[in-house]
Amino acid sequence: MHKNERGLPEMEGSDTGRFAISCDPDIRSFSIADDNIFGFCLHSDGVALSPGHIVKTINMTSSEDKENASNPRATNLASELIVQNRHYLKSRCFRDNAAVIVVLIKQLSMNR
């Protein structure tokens, strides 16, 4: 298993998709850059927040994603992640950046 620049385990394979979940109820839209995982957020009052603060990155394989598609619990993933990270929102002194969770879905390579 490879490790990223932070020394954390990284799955082998290629990105097949990614999406972000905002933990901040005031954020209405954001996007993720292709080359780097940064959330660029727009606050509901129109103030641009850049970059977003990524509080959690989750790796899933595309097969896990397909298996979870029929699982009703999987549809609540966004809500669960938001609840888990509410402590971050409450502890912020300033609203200079936003809490964003990025989920990467990877297609594992079958090469041995």
PDB file of N, CA and C in Angstrom:
ATOM      1  N   MET A   1       0.846  -1.176   0.000  1.00  0.00           N
ATOM      2  CA  MET A   1       0.000   0.000   0.000  1.00  0.00           C
ATOM      3  C   MET A   1       0.891   1.238   0.000  1.00  0.00           C
ATOM      4  N   HIS A   2       0.593   2.165  -0.900  1.00  0.00           N
ATOM      5  CA  HIS A   2       1.360   3.401  -1.000  1.00  0.00           C
ATOM      6  C   HIS A   2       0.939   4.371   0.089  1.00  0.00           C
ATOM      7  N   LYS A   3       1.834   5.314   0.381  1.00  0.00           N
ATOM      8  CA  LYS A   3       1.496   6.365   1.342  1.00  0.00           C
ATOM      9  C   LYS A   3       1.593   7.706   0.631  1.00  0.00           C
ATOM     10  N   ASN A   4       0.720   8.621   1.007  1.00  0.00           N
ATOM     11  CA  ASN A   4       0.745   9.942   0.398  1.00  0.00           C
ATOM     12  C   ASN A   4       1.807  10.805   1.067  1.00  0.00           C
ATOM     13  N   GLU A   5       1.853  12.111   0.675  1.00  0.00           N
ATOM     14  CA  GLU A   5       2.897  12.992   1.211  1.00  0.00           C
ATOM     15  C   GLU A   5       2.778  13.207   2.710  1.00  0.00           C
ATOM     16  N   ARG A   6       1.613  12.932   3.284  1.00  0.00           N
ATOM     17  CA  ARG A   6       1.428  13.059   4.733  1.00  0.00           C
ATOM     18  C   ARG A   6       1.769  11.766   5.465  1.00  0.00           C
ATOM     19  N   GLY A   7       2.142  10.712   4.721  1.00  0.00           N
ATOM     20  CA  GLY A   7       2.470   9.440   5.339  1.00  0.00           C
ATOM     21  C   GLY A   7       1.268   8.569   5.623  1.00  0.00           C
ATOM     22  N   LEU A   8       0.104   8.960   5.090  1.00  0.00           N
ATOM     23  CA  LEU A   8      -1.114   8.184   5.306  1.00  0.00           C
ATOM     24  C   LEU A   8      -1.283   7.152   4.206  1.00  0.00           C
ATOM     25  N   PRO A   9      -1.888   6.004   4.510  1.00  0.00           N
ATOM     26  CA  PRO A   9      -2.087   4.980   3.486  1.00  0.00           C
ATOM     27  C   PRO A   9      -2.921   5.517   2.336  1.00  0.00           C
ATOM     28  N   GLU A  10      -2.551   5.099   1.130  1.00  0.00           N
ATOM     29  CA  GLU A  10      -3.273   5.541  -0.053  1.00  0.00           C
ATOM     30  C   GLU A  10      -3.580   4.327  -0.914  1.00  0.00           C
ATOM     31  N   MET A  11      -4.788   4.270  -1.433  1.00  0.00           N
ATOM     32  CA  MET A  11      -5.190   3.133  -2.251  1.00  0.00           C
ATOM     33  C   MET A  11      -4.605   3.279  -3.646  1.00  0.00           C
ATOM     34  N   GLU A  12      -4.223   2.154  -4.243  1.00  0.00           N
ATOM     35  CA  GLU A  12      -3.771   2.177  -5.616  1.00  0.00           C
ATOM     36  C   GLU A  12      -4.978   2.175  -6.522  1.00  0.00           C
ATOM     37  N   GLY A  13      -4.820   2.776  -7.690  1.00  0.00           N
ATOM     38  CA  GLY A  13      -5.921   2.807  -8.638  1.00  0.00           C
ATOM     39  C   GLY A  13      -6.082   4.201  -9.196  1.00  0.00           C
ATOM     40  N   SER A  14      -7.097   4.357 -10.002  1.00  0.00           N
ATOM     41  CA  SER A  14      -7.343   5.660 -10.603  1.00  0.00           C
ATOM     42  C   SER A  14      -8.657   6.220 -10.086  1.00  0.00           C
ATOM     43  N   ASP A  15      -8.726   7.540 -10.042  1.00  0.00           N
ATOM     44  CA  ASP A  15      -9.965   8.177  -9.599  1.00  0.00           C
ATOM     45  C   ASP A  15     -11.058   7.938 -10.626  1.00  0.00           C
ATOM     46  N   THR A  16     -12.199   7.468 -10.174  1.00  0.00           N
ATOM     47  CA  THR A  16     -13.336   7.310 -11.071  1.00  0.00           C
ATOM     48  C   THR A  16     -14.395   8.347 -10.767  1.00  0.00           C
ATOM     49  N   GLY A  17     -14.258   9.052  -9.684  1.00  0.00           N
ATOM     50  CA  GLY A  17     -15.217  10.097  -9.351  1.00  0.00           C
ATOM     51  C   GLY A  17     -14.927  10.650  -7.980  1.00  0.00           C
ATOM     52  N   ARG A  18     -15.411  11.836  -7.741  1.00  0.00           N
ATOM     53  CA  ARG A  18     -15.231  12.437  -6.429  1.00  0.00           C
ATOM     54  C   ARG A  18     -16.381  13.394  -6.191  1.00  0.00           C
ATOM     55  N   PHE A  19     -16.728  13.529  -4.949  1.00  0.00           N
ATOM     56  CA  PHE A  19     -17.738  14.514  -4.603  1.00  0.00           C
ATOM     57  C   PHE A  19     -17.412  15.067  -3.232  1.00  0.00           C
ATOM     58  N   ALA A  20     -17.936  16.208  -2.933  1.00  0.00           N
ATOM     59  CA  ALA A  20     -17.654  16.854  -1.659  1.00  0.00           C
ATOM     60  C   ALA A  20     -18.947  17.071  -0.909  1.00  0.00           C
ATOM     61  N   ILE A  21     -18.845  17.015   0.400  1.00  0.00           N
ATOM     62  CA  ILE A  21     -19.987  17.227   1.274  1.00  0.00           C
ATOM     63  C   ILE A  21     -19.634  18.392   2.189  1.00  0.00           C
ATOM     64  N   SER A  22     -20.469  19.399   2.200  1.00  0.00           N
ATOM     65  CA  SER A  22     -20.208  20.538   3.069  1.00  0.00           C
ATOM     66  C   SER A  22     -20.758  20.265   4.457  1.00  0.00           C
ATOM     67  N   CYS A  23     -19.953  20.563   5.467  1.00  0.00           N
ATOM     68  CA  CYS A  23     -20.401  20.428   6.852  1.00  0.00           C
ATOM     69  C   CYS A  23     -21.078  21.705   7.332  1.00  0.00           C
ATOM     70  N   ASP A  24     -20.982  22.753   6.556  1.00  0.00           N
ATOM     71  CA  ASP A  24     -21.506  24.047   6.968  1.00  0.00           C
ATOM     72  C   ASP A  24     -22.849  24.289   6.296  1.00  0.00           C
ATOM     73  N   PRO A  25     -23.925  24.405   7.061  1.00  0.00           N
ATOM     74  CA  PRO A  25     -25.250  24.575   6.459  1.00  0.00           C
ATOM     75  C   PRO A  25     -25.396  25.875   5.681  1.00  0.00           C
ATOM     76  N   ASP A  26     -24.484  26.835   5.890  1.00  0.00           N
ATOM     77  CA  ASP A  26     -24.564  28.104   5.174  1.00  0.00           C
ATOM     78  C   ASP A  26     -23.923  28.054   3.794  1.00  0.00           C
ATOM     79  N   ILE A  27     -23.237  26.984   3.505  1.00  0.00           N
ATOM     80  CA  ILE A  27     -22.562  26.889   2.213  1.00  0.00           C
ATOM     81  C   ILE A  27     -23.510  26.266   1.203  1.00  0.00           C
ATOM     82  N   ARG A  28     -23.677  26.929   0.080  1.00  0.00           N
ATOM     83  CA  ARG A  28     -24.630  26.419  -0.898  1.00  0.00           C
ATOM     84  C   ARG A  28     -23.977  25.798  -2.118  1.00  0.00           C
ATOM     85  N   SER A  29     -22.714  26.097  -2.364  1.00  0.00           N
ATOM     86  CA  SER A  29     -22.062  25.478  -3.520  1.00  0.00           C
ATOM     87  C   SER A  29     -20.551  25.497  -3.341  1.00  0.00           C
ATOM     88  N   PHE A  30     -19.896  24.541  -3.968  1.00  0.00           N
ATOM     89  CA  PHE A  30     -18.445  24.482  -3.948  1.00  0.00           C
ATOM     90  C   PHE A  30     -17.997  23.528  -5.032  1.00  0.00           C
ATOM     91  N   SER A  31     -16.734  23.562  -5.347  1.00  0.00           N
ATOM     92  CA  SER A  31     -16.204  22.660  -6.363  1.00  0.00           C
ATOM     93  C   SER A  31     -14.841  22.166  -5.923  1.00  0.00           C
ATOM     94  N   ILE A  32     -14.366  21.145  -6.611  1.00  0.00           N
ATOM     95  CA  ILE A  32     -13.067  20.561  -6.292  1.00  0.00           C
ATOM     96  C   ILE A  32     -12.194  20.661  -7.532  1.00  0.00           C
ATOM     97  N   ALA A  33     -11.007  21.197  -7.377  1.00  0.00           N
ATOM     98  CA  ALA A  33     -10.081  21.293  -8.501  1.00  0.00           C
ATOM     99  C   ALA A  33      -9.634  19.904  -8.916  1.00  0.00           C
ATOM    100  N   ASP A  34      -9.364  19.735 -10.213  1.00  0.00           N
ATOM    101  CA  ASP A  34      -8.978  18.421 -10.723  1.00  0.00           C
ATOM    102  C   ASP A  34      -7.599  17.997 -10.236  1.00  0.00           C
ATOM    103  N   ASP A  35      -6.661  18.942 -10.170  1.00  0.00           N
ATOM    104  CA  ASP A  35      -5.295  18.562  -9.826  1.00  0.00           C
ATOM    105  C   ASP A  35      -5.063  18.496  -8.323  1.00  0.00           C
ATOM    106  N   ASN A  36      -5.805  19.255  -7.563  1.00  0.00           N
ATOM    107  CA  ASN A  36      -5.676  19.233  -6.109  1.00  0.00           C
ATOM    108  C   ASN A  36      -7.057  19.168  -5.490  1.00  0.00           C
ATOM    109  N   ILE A  37      -7.140  18.553  -4.345  1.00  0.00           N
ATOM    110  CA  ILE A  37      -8.429  18.432  -3.669  1.00  0.00           C
ATOM    111  C   ILE A  37      -8.579  19.617  -2.731  1.00  0.00           C
ATOM    112  N   PHE A  38      -9.155  20.664  -3.238  1.00  0.00           N
ATOM    113  CA  PHE A  38      -9.452  21.830  -2.419  1.00  0.00           C
ATOM    114  C   PHE A  38     -10.888  22.225  -2.681  1.00  0.00           C
ATOM    115  N   GLY A  39     -11.615  22.496  -1.638  1.00  0.00           N
ATOM    116  CA  GLY A  39     -12.977  22.982  -1.816  1.00  0.00           C
ATOM    117  C   GLY A  39     -12.961  24.501  -1.909  1.00  0.00           C
ATOM    118  N   PHE A  40     -13.519  25.046  -2.958  1.00  0.00           N
ATOM    119  CA  PHE A  40     -13.670  26.490  -3.076  1.00  0.00           C
ATOM    120  C   PHE A  40     -15.135  26.787  -2.841  1.00  0.00           C
ATOM    121  N   CYS A  41     -15.436  27.418  -1.743  1.00  0.00           N
ATOM    122  CA  CYS A  41     -16.803  27.499  -1.248  1.00  0.00           C
ATOM    123  C   CYS A  41     -17.382  28.890  -1.434  1.00  0.00           C
ATOM    124  N   LEU A  42     -18.693  28.921  -1.585  1.00  0.00           N
ATOM    125  CA  LEU A  42     -19.419  30.178  -1.649  1.00  0.00           C
ATOM    126  C   LEU A  42     -20.421  30.195  -0.514  1.00  0.00           C
ATOM    127  N   HIS A  43     -20.277  31.182   0.359  1.00  0.00           N
ATOM    128  CA  HIS A  43     -21.175  31.306   1.500  1.00  0.00           C
ATOM    129  C   HIS A  43     -22.529  31.802   1.016  1.00  0.00           C
ATOM    130  N   SER A  44     -23.582  31.500   1.752  1.00  0.00           N
ATOM    131  CA  SER A  44     -24.934  31.870   1.332  1.00  0.00           C
ATOM    132  C   SER A  44     -25.137  33.379   1.243  1.00  0.00           C
ATOM    133  N   ASP A  45     -24.279  34.153   1.915  1.00  0.00           N
ATOM    134  CA  ASP A  45     -24.420  35.609   1.808  1.00  0.00           C
ATOM    135  C   ASP A  45     -23.623  36.167   0.636  1.00  0.00           C
ATOM    136  N   GLY A  46     -23.053  35.286  -0.177  1.00  0.00           N
ATOM    137  CA  GLY A  46     -22.352  35.709  -1.382  1.00  0.00           C
ATOM    138  C   GLY A  46     -20.869  35.937  -1.192  1.00  0.00           C
ATOM    139  N   VAL A  47     -20.364  35.779   0.016  1.00  0.00           N
ATOM    140  CA  VAL A  47     -18.936  35.971   0.265  1.00  0.00           C
ATOM    141  C   VAL A  47     -18.178  34.715  -0.151  1.00  0.00           C
ATOM    142  N   ALA A  48     -17.181  34.888  -0.994  1.00  0.00           N
ATOM    143  CA  ALA A  48     -16.398  33.735  -1.438  1.00  0.00           C
ATOM    144  C   ALA A  48     -15.456  33.298  -0.328  1.00  0.00           C
ATOM    145  N   LEU A  49     -15.426  32.019  -0.057  1.00  0.00           N
ATOM    146  CA  LEU A  49     -14.517  31.446   0.936  1.00  0.00           C
ATOM    147  C   LEU A  49     -13.537  30.554   0.191  1.00  0.00           C
ATOM    148  N   SER A  50     -12.272  30.870   0.268  1.00  0.00           N
ATOM    149  CA  SER A  50     -11.309  30.135  -0.532  1.00  0.00           C
ATOM    150  C   SER A  50      -9.984  30.055   0.206  1.00  0.00           C
ATOM    151  N   PRO A  51      -9.387  28.912   0.341  1.00  0.00           N
ATOM    152  CA  PRO A  51      -9.962  27.608  -0.001  1.00  0.00           C
ATOM    153  C   PRO A  51     -10.788  27.051   1.146  1.00  0.00           C
ATOM    154  N   GLY A  52     -11.540  26.045   0.872  1.00  0.00           N
ATOM    155  CA  GLY A  52     -12.275  25.346   1.920  1.00  0.00           C
ATOM    156  C   GLY A  52     -11.321  24.507   2.753  1.00  0.00           C
ATOM    157  N   HIS A  53     -11.683  24.251   3.965  1.00  0.00           N
ATOM    158  CA  HIS A  53     -10.855  23.422   4.839  1.00  0.00           C
ATOM    159  C   HIS A  53     -11.382  21.995   4.773  1.00  0.00           C
ATOM    160  N   ILE A  54     -10.555  21.085   4.336  1.00  0.00           N
ATOM    161  CA  ILE A  54     -10.980  19.696   4.201  1.00  0.00           C
ATOM    162  C   ILE A  54     -10.743  18.997   5.529  1.00  0.00           C
ATOM    163  N   VAL A  55     -11.828  18.577   6.168  1.00  0.00           N
ATOM    164  CA  VAL A  55     -11.703  17.962   7.476  1.00  0.00           C
ATOM    165  C   VAL A  55     -11.616  16.449   7.384  1.00  0.00           C
ATOM    166  N   LYS A  56     -11.998  15.899   6.285  1.00  0.00           N
ATOM    167  CA  LYS A  56     -11.961  14.442   6.184  1.00  0.00           C
ATOM    168  C   LYS A  56     -11.918  14.029   4.718  1.00  0.00           C
ATOM    169  N   THR A  57     -11.091  13.053   4.400  1.00  0.00           N
ATOM    170  CA  THR A  57     -11.069  12.471   3.063  1.00  0.00           C
ATOM    171  C   THR A  57     -11.352  10.990   3.204  1.00  0.00           C
ATOM    172  N   ILE A  58     -12.269  10.492   2.425  1.00  0.00           N
ATOM    173  CA  ILE A  58     -12.665   9.091   2.500  1.00  0.00           C
ATOM    174  C   ILE A  58     -12.401   8.437   1.159  1.00  0.00           C
ATOM    175  N   ASN A  59     -11.740   7.308   1.169  1.00  0.00           N
ATOM    176  CA  ASN A  59     -11.522   6.540  -0.051  1.00  0.00           C
ATOM    177  C   ASN A  59     -12.495   5.379  -0.107  1.00  0.00           C
ATOM    178  N   MET A  60     -13.109   5.193  -1.245  1.00  0.00           N
ATOM    179  CA  MET A  60     -13.984   4.043  -1.470  1.00  0.00           C
ATOM    180  C   MET A  60     -13.612   3.443  -2.811  1.00  0.00           C
ATOM    181  N   THR A  61     -13.733   2.154  -2.930  1.00  0.00           N
ATOM    182  CA  THR A  61     -13.561   1.539  -4.242  1.00  0.00           C
ATOM    183  C   THR A  61     -14.881   1.631  -4.979  1.00  0.00           C
ATOM    184  N   SER A  62     -14.827   1.540  -6.300  1.00  0.00           N
ATOM    185  CA  SER A  62     -16.062   1.621  -7.072  1.00  0.00           C
ATOM    186  C   SER A  62     -16.965   0.438  -6.762  1.00  0.00           C
ATOM    187  N   SER A  63     -16.377  -0.715  -6.403  1.00  0.00           N
ATOM    188  CA  SER A  63     -17.208  -1.874  -6.058  1.00  0.00           C
ATOM    189  C   SER A  63     -17.930  -1.633  -4.736  1.00  0.00           C
ATOM    190  N   GLU A  64     -17.253  -0.992  -3.765  1.00  0.00           N
ATOM    191  CA  GLU A  64     -17.912  -0.654  -2.502  1.00  0.00           C
ATOM    192  C   GLU A  64     -19.055   0.316  -2.746  1.00  0.00           C
ATOM    193  N   ASP A  65     -18.816   1.251  -3.660  1.00  0.00           N
ATOM    194  CA  ASP A  65     -19.841   2.236  -3.971  1.00  0.00           C
ATOM    195  C   ASP A  65     -21.071   1.559  -4.567  1.00  0.00           C
ATOM    196  N   LYS A  66     -20.847   0.586  -5.459  1.00  0.00           N
ATOM    197  CA  LYS A  66     -21.968  -0.136  -6.070  1.00  0.00           C
ATOM    198  C   LYS A  66     -22.708  -0.973  -5.031  1.00  0.00           C
ATOM    199  N   GLU A  67     -21.952  -1.616  -4.144  1.00  0.00           N
ATOM    200  CA  GLU A  67     -22.580  -2.432  -3.100  1.00  0.00           C
ATOM    201  C   GLU A  67     -23.428  -1.568  -2.176  1.00  0.00           C
ATOM    202  N   ASN A  68     -22.943  -0.378  -1.886  1.00  0.00           N
ATOM    203  CA  ASN A  68     -23.652   0.504  -0.968  1.00  0.00           C
ATOM    204  C   ASN A  68     -24.825   1.223  -1.615  1.00  0.00           C
ATOM    205  N   ALA A  69     -24.906   1.182  -2.942  1.00  0.00           N
ATOM    206  CA  ALA A  69     -25.971   1.907  -3.627  1.00  0.00           C
ATOM    207  C   ALA A  69     -27.346   1.384  -3.234  1.00  0.00           C
ATOM    208  N   SER A  70     -27.434   0.078  -2.974  1.00  0.00           N
ATOM    209  CA  SER A  70     -28.728  -0.492  -2.613  1.00  0.00           C
ATOM    210  C   SER A  70     -28.973  -0.456  -1.104  1.00  0.00           C
ATOM    211  N   ASN A  71     -27.995   0.009  -0.359  1.00  0.00           N
ATOM    212  CA  ASN A  71     -28.101   0.069   1.092  1.00  0.00           C
ATOM    213  C   ASN A  71     -28.716   1.407   1.510  1.00  0.00           C
ATOM    214  N   PRO A  72     -29.902   1.386   2.128  1.00  0.00           N
ATOM    215  CA  PRO A  72     -30.536   2.651   2.529  1.00  0.00           C
ATOM    216  C   PRO A  72     -29.671   3.470   3.472  1.00  0.00           C
ATOM    217  N   ARG A  73     -28.857   2.785   4.277  1.00  0.00           N
ATOM    218  CA  ARG A  73     -27.983   3.498   5.214  1.00  0.00           C
ATOM    219  C   ARG A  73     -26.951   4.338   4.467  1.00  0.00           C
ATOM    220  N   ALA A  74     -26.528   3.857   3.293  1.00  0.00           N
ATOM    221  CA  ALA A  74     -25.518   4.590   2.534  1.00  0.00           C
ATOM    222  C   ALA A  74     -26.036   5.941   2.062  1.00  0.00           C
ATOM    223  N   THR A  75     -27.339   6.038   1.865  1.00  0.00           N
ATOM    224  CA  THR A  75     -27.901   7.308   1.404  1.00  0.00           C
ATOM    225  C   THR A  75     -27.800   8.380   2.478  1.00  0.00           C
ATOM    226  N   ASN A  76     -27.589   7.979   3.722  1.00  0.00           N
ATOM    227  CA  ASN A  76     -27.460   8.934   4.818  1.00  0.00           C
ATOM    228  C   ASN A  76     -26.005   9.268   5.130  1.00  0.00           C
ATOM    229  N   LEU A  77     -25.089   8.868   4.244  1.00  0.00           N
ATOM    230  CA  LEU A  77     -23.665   9.095   4.475  1.00  0.00           C
ATOM    231  C   LEU A  77     -23.371  10.579   4.687  1.00  0.00           C
ATOM    232  N   ALA A  78     -23.939  11.421   3.850  1.00  0.00           N
ATOM    233  CA  ALA A  78     -23.674  12.857   3.971  1.00  0.00           C
ATOM    234  C   ALA A  78     -24.110  13.377   5.330  1.00  0.00           C
ATOM    235  N   SER A  79     -25.304  13.002   5.752  1.00  0.00           N
ATOM    236  CA  SER A  79     -25.808  13.467   7.050  1.00  0.00           C
ATOM    237  C   SER A  79     -24.930  12.979   8.188  1.00  0.00           C
ATOM    238  N   GLU A  80     -24.499  11.723   8.121  1.00  0.00           N
ATOM    239  CA  GLU A  80     -23.657  11.162   9.176  1.00  0.00           C
ATOM    240  C   GLU A  80     -22.325  11.894   9.258  1.00  0.00           C
ATOM    241  N   LEU A  81     -21.729  12.173   8.096  1.00  0.00           N
ATOM    242  CA  LEU A  81     -20.440  12.850   8.083  1.00  0.00           C
ATOM    243  C   LEU A  81     -20.560  14.270   8.618  1.00  0.00           C
ATOM    244  N   ILE A  82     -21.652  14.927   8.287  1.00  0.00           N
ATOM    245  CA  ILE A  82     -21.866  16.282   8.795  1.00  0.00           C
ATOM    246  C   ILE A  82     -21.984  16.263  10.315  1.00  0.00           C
ATOM    247  N   VAL A  83     -22.760  15.330  10.839  1.00  0.00           N
ATOM    248  CA  VAL A  83     -22.932  15.227  12.294  1.00  0.00           C
ATOM    249  C   VAL A  83     -21.598  14.946  12.969  1.00  0.00           C
ATOM    250  N   GLN A  84     -20.792  14.055  12.377  1.00  0.00           N
ATOM    251  CA  GLN A  84     -19.503  13.692  12.964  1.00  0.00           C
ATOM    252  C   GLN A  84     -18.558  14.888  13.037  1.00  0.00           C
ATOM    253  N   ASN A  85     -18.723  15.852  12.150  1.00  0.00           N
ATOM    254  CA  ASN A  85     -17.780  16.967  12.079  1.00  0.00           C
ATOM    255  C   ASN A  85     -18.344  18.280  12.592  1.00  0.00           C
ATOM    256  N   ARG A  86     -19.471  18.228  13.272  1.00  0.00           N
ATOM    257  CA  ARG A  86     -20.064  19.451  13.836  1.00  0.00           C
ATOM    258  C   ARG A  86     -19.128  20.105  14.854  1.00  0.00           C
ATOM    259  N   HIS A  87     -18.332  19.292  15.555  1.00  0.00           N
ATOM    260  CA  HIS A  87     -17.412  19.850  16.553  1.00  0.00           C
ATOM    261  C   HIS A  87     -16.457  20.846  15.915  1.00  0.00           C
ATOM    262  N   TYR A  88     -16.061  20.569  14.675  1.00  0.00           N
ATOM    263  CA  TYR A  88     -15.154  21.499  13.986  1.00  0.00           C
ATOM    264  C   TYR A  88     -15.848  22.840  13.752  1.00  0.00           C
ATOM    265  N   LEU A  89     -17.090  22.790  13.314  1.00  0.00           N
ATOM    266  CA  LEU A  89     -17.828  24.024  13.043  1.00  0.00           C
ATOM    267  C   LEU A  89     -18.016  24.843  14.311  1.00  0.00           C
ATOM    268  N   LYS A  90     -18.308  24.162  15.408  1.00  0.00           N
ATOM    269  CA  LYS A  90     -18.542  24.871  16.669  1.00  0.00           C
ATOM    270  C   LYS A  90     -17.260  25.489  17.214  1.00  0.00           C
ATOM    271  N   SER A  91     -16.115  24.900  16.893  1.00  0.00           N
ATOM    272  CA  SER A  91     -14.858  25.375  17.462  1.00  0.00           C
ATOM    273  C   SER A  91     -14.214  26.488  16.636  1.00  0.00           C
ATOM    274  N   ARG A  92     -14.753  26.781  15.467  1.00  0.00           N
ATOM    275  CA  ARG A  92     -14.151  27.824  14.636  1.00  0.00           C
ATOM    276  C   ARG A  92     -14.351  29.201  15.259  1.00  0.00           C
ATOM    277  N   CYS A  93     -13.262  29.971  15.346  1.00  0.00           N
ATOM    278  CA  CYS A  93     -13.360  31.339  15.862  1.00  0.00           C
ATOM    279  C   CYS A  93     -13.806  32.293  14.763  1.00  0.00           C
ATOM    280  N   PHE A  94     -13.356  32.038  13.554  1.00  0.00           N
ATOM    281  CA  PHE A  94     -13.652  32.919  12.434  1.00  0.00           C
ATOM    282  C   PHE A  94     -14.217  32.094  11.290  1.00  0.00           C
ATOM    283  N   ARG A  95     -15.075  32.706  10.496  1.00  0.00           N
ATOM    284  CA  ARG A  95     -15.656  32.017   9.349  1.00  0.00           C
ATOM    285  C   ARG A  95     -14.834  32.338   8.106  1.00  0.00           C
ATOM    286  N   ASP A  96     -13.524  32.151   8.191  1.00  0.00           N
ATOM    287  CA  ASP A  96     -12.673  32.477   7.056  1.00  0.00           C
ATOM    288  C   ASP A  96     -12.518  31.317   6.092  1.00  0.00           C
ATOM    289  N   ASN A  97     -12.904  30.153   6.505  1.00  0.00           N
ATOM    290  CA  ASN A  97     -12.915  29.031   5.576  1.00  0.00           C
ATOM    291  C   ASN A  97     -14.026  28.080   5.983  1.00  0.00           C
ATOM    292  N   ALA A  98     -14.270  27.117   5.160  1.00  0.00           N
ATOM    293  CA  ALA A  98     -15.420  26.242   5.361  1.00  0.00           C
ATOM    294  C   ALA A  98     -14.969  24.813   5.545  1.00  0.00           C
ATOM    295  N   ALA A  99     -15.781  24.046   6.227  1.00  0.00           N
ATOM    296  CA  ALA A  99     -15.474  22.633   6.427  1.00  0.00           C
ATOM    297  C   ALA A  99     -16.021  21.845   5.247  1.00  0.00           C
ATOM    298  N   VAL A 100     -15.189  21.089   4.624  1.00  0.00           N
ATOM    299  CA  VAL A 100     -15.592  20.295   3.469  1.00  0.00           C
ATOM    300  C   VAL A 100     -15.083  18.878   3.639  1.00  0.00           C
ATOM    301  N   ILE A 101     -15.909  17.915   3.333  1.00  0.00           N
ATOM    302  CA  ILE A 101     -15.495  16.513   3.324  1.00  0.00           C
ATOM    303  C   ILE A 101     -15.418  16.076   1.872  1.00  0.00           C
ATOM    304  N   VAL A 102     -14.309  15.515   1.478  1.00  0.00           N
ATOM    305  CA  VAL A 102     -14.139  15.048   0.109  1.00  0.00           C
ATOM    306  C   VAL A 102     -14.151  13.535   0.098  1.00  0.00           C
ATOM    307  N   VAL A 103     -14.942  12.963  -0.775  1.00  0.00           N
ATOM    308  CA  VAL A 103     -15.008  11.511  -0.921  1.00  0.00           C
ATOM    309  C   VAL A 103     -14.458  11.158  -2.290  1.00  0.00           C
ATOM    310  N   LEU A 104     -13.426  10.358  -2.323  1.00  0.00           N
ATOM    311  CA  LEU A 104     -12.850   9.882  -3.574  1.00  0.00           C
ATOM    312  C   LEU A 104     -13.306   8.460  -3.827  1.00  0.00           C
ATOM    313  N   ILE A 105     -13.805   8.204  -5.020  1.00  0.00           N
ATOM    314  CA  ILE A 105     -14.168   6.842  -5.400  1.00  0.00           C
ATOM    315  C   ILE A 105     -13.131   6.374  -6.402  1.00  0.00           C
ATOM    316  N   LYS A 106     -12.429   5.313  -6.059  1.00  0.00           N
ATOM    317  CA  LYS A 106     -11.337   4.833  -6.899  1.00  0.00           C
ATOM    318  C   LYS A 106     -11.661   3.481  -7.505  1.00  0.00           C
ATOM    319  N   GLN A 107     -11.162   3.282  -8.706  1.00  0.00           N
ATOM    320  CA  GLN A 107     -11.244   1.986  -9.368  1.00  0.00           C
ATOM    321  C   GLN A 107      -9.920   1.291  -9.087  1.00  0.00           C
ATOM    322  N   LEU A 108      -9.955   0.216  -8.316  1.00  0.00           N
ATOM    323  CA  LEU A 108      -8.718  -0.484  -7.978  1.00  0.00           C
ATOM    324  C   LEU A 108      -8.157  -1.180  -9.200  1.00  0.00           C
ATOM    325  N   SER A 109      -6.837  -1.095  -9.350  1.00  0.00           N
ATOM    326  CA  SER A 109      -6.203  -1.788 -10.471  1.00  0.00           C
ATOM    327  C   SER A 109      -6.114  -3.270 -10.146  1.00  0.00           C
ATOM    328  N   MET A 110      -6.307  -4.085 -11.153  1.00  0.00           N
ATOM    329  CA  MET A 110      -6.303  -5.530 -10.965  1.00  0.00           C
ATOM    330  C   MET A 110      -4.936  -6.129 -11.294  1.00  0.00           C
ATOM    331  N   ASN A 111      -3.936  -5.287 -11.564  1.00  0.00           N
ATOM    332  CA  ASN A 111      -2.599  -5.784 -11.897  1.00  0.00           C
ATOM    333  C   ASN A 111      -1.944  -6.386 -10.666  1.00  0.00           C
ATOM    334  N   ARG A 112      -1.229  -7.461 -10.865  1.00  0.00           N
ATOM    335  CA  ARG A 112      -0.520  -8.110  -9.757  1.00  0.00           C
ATOM    336  C   ARG A 112       0.955  -8.112 -10.018  1.00  0.00           C
TER     337      ARG A 112
END
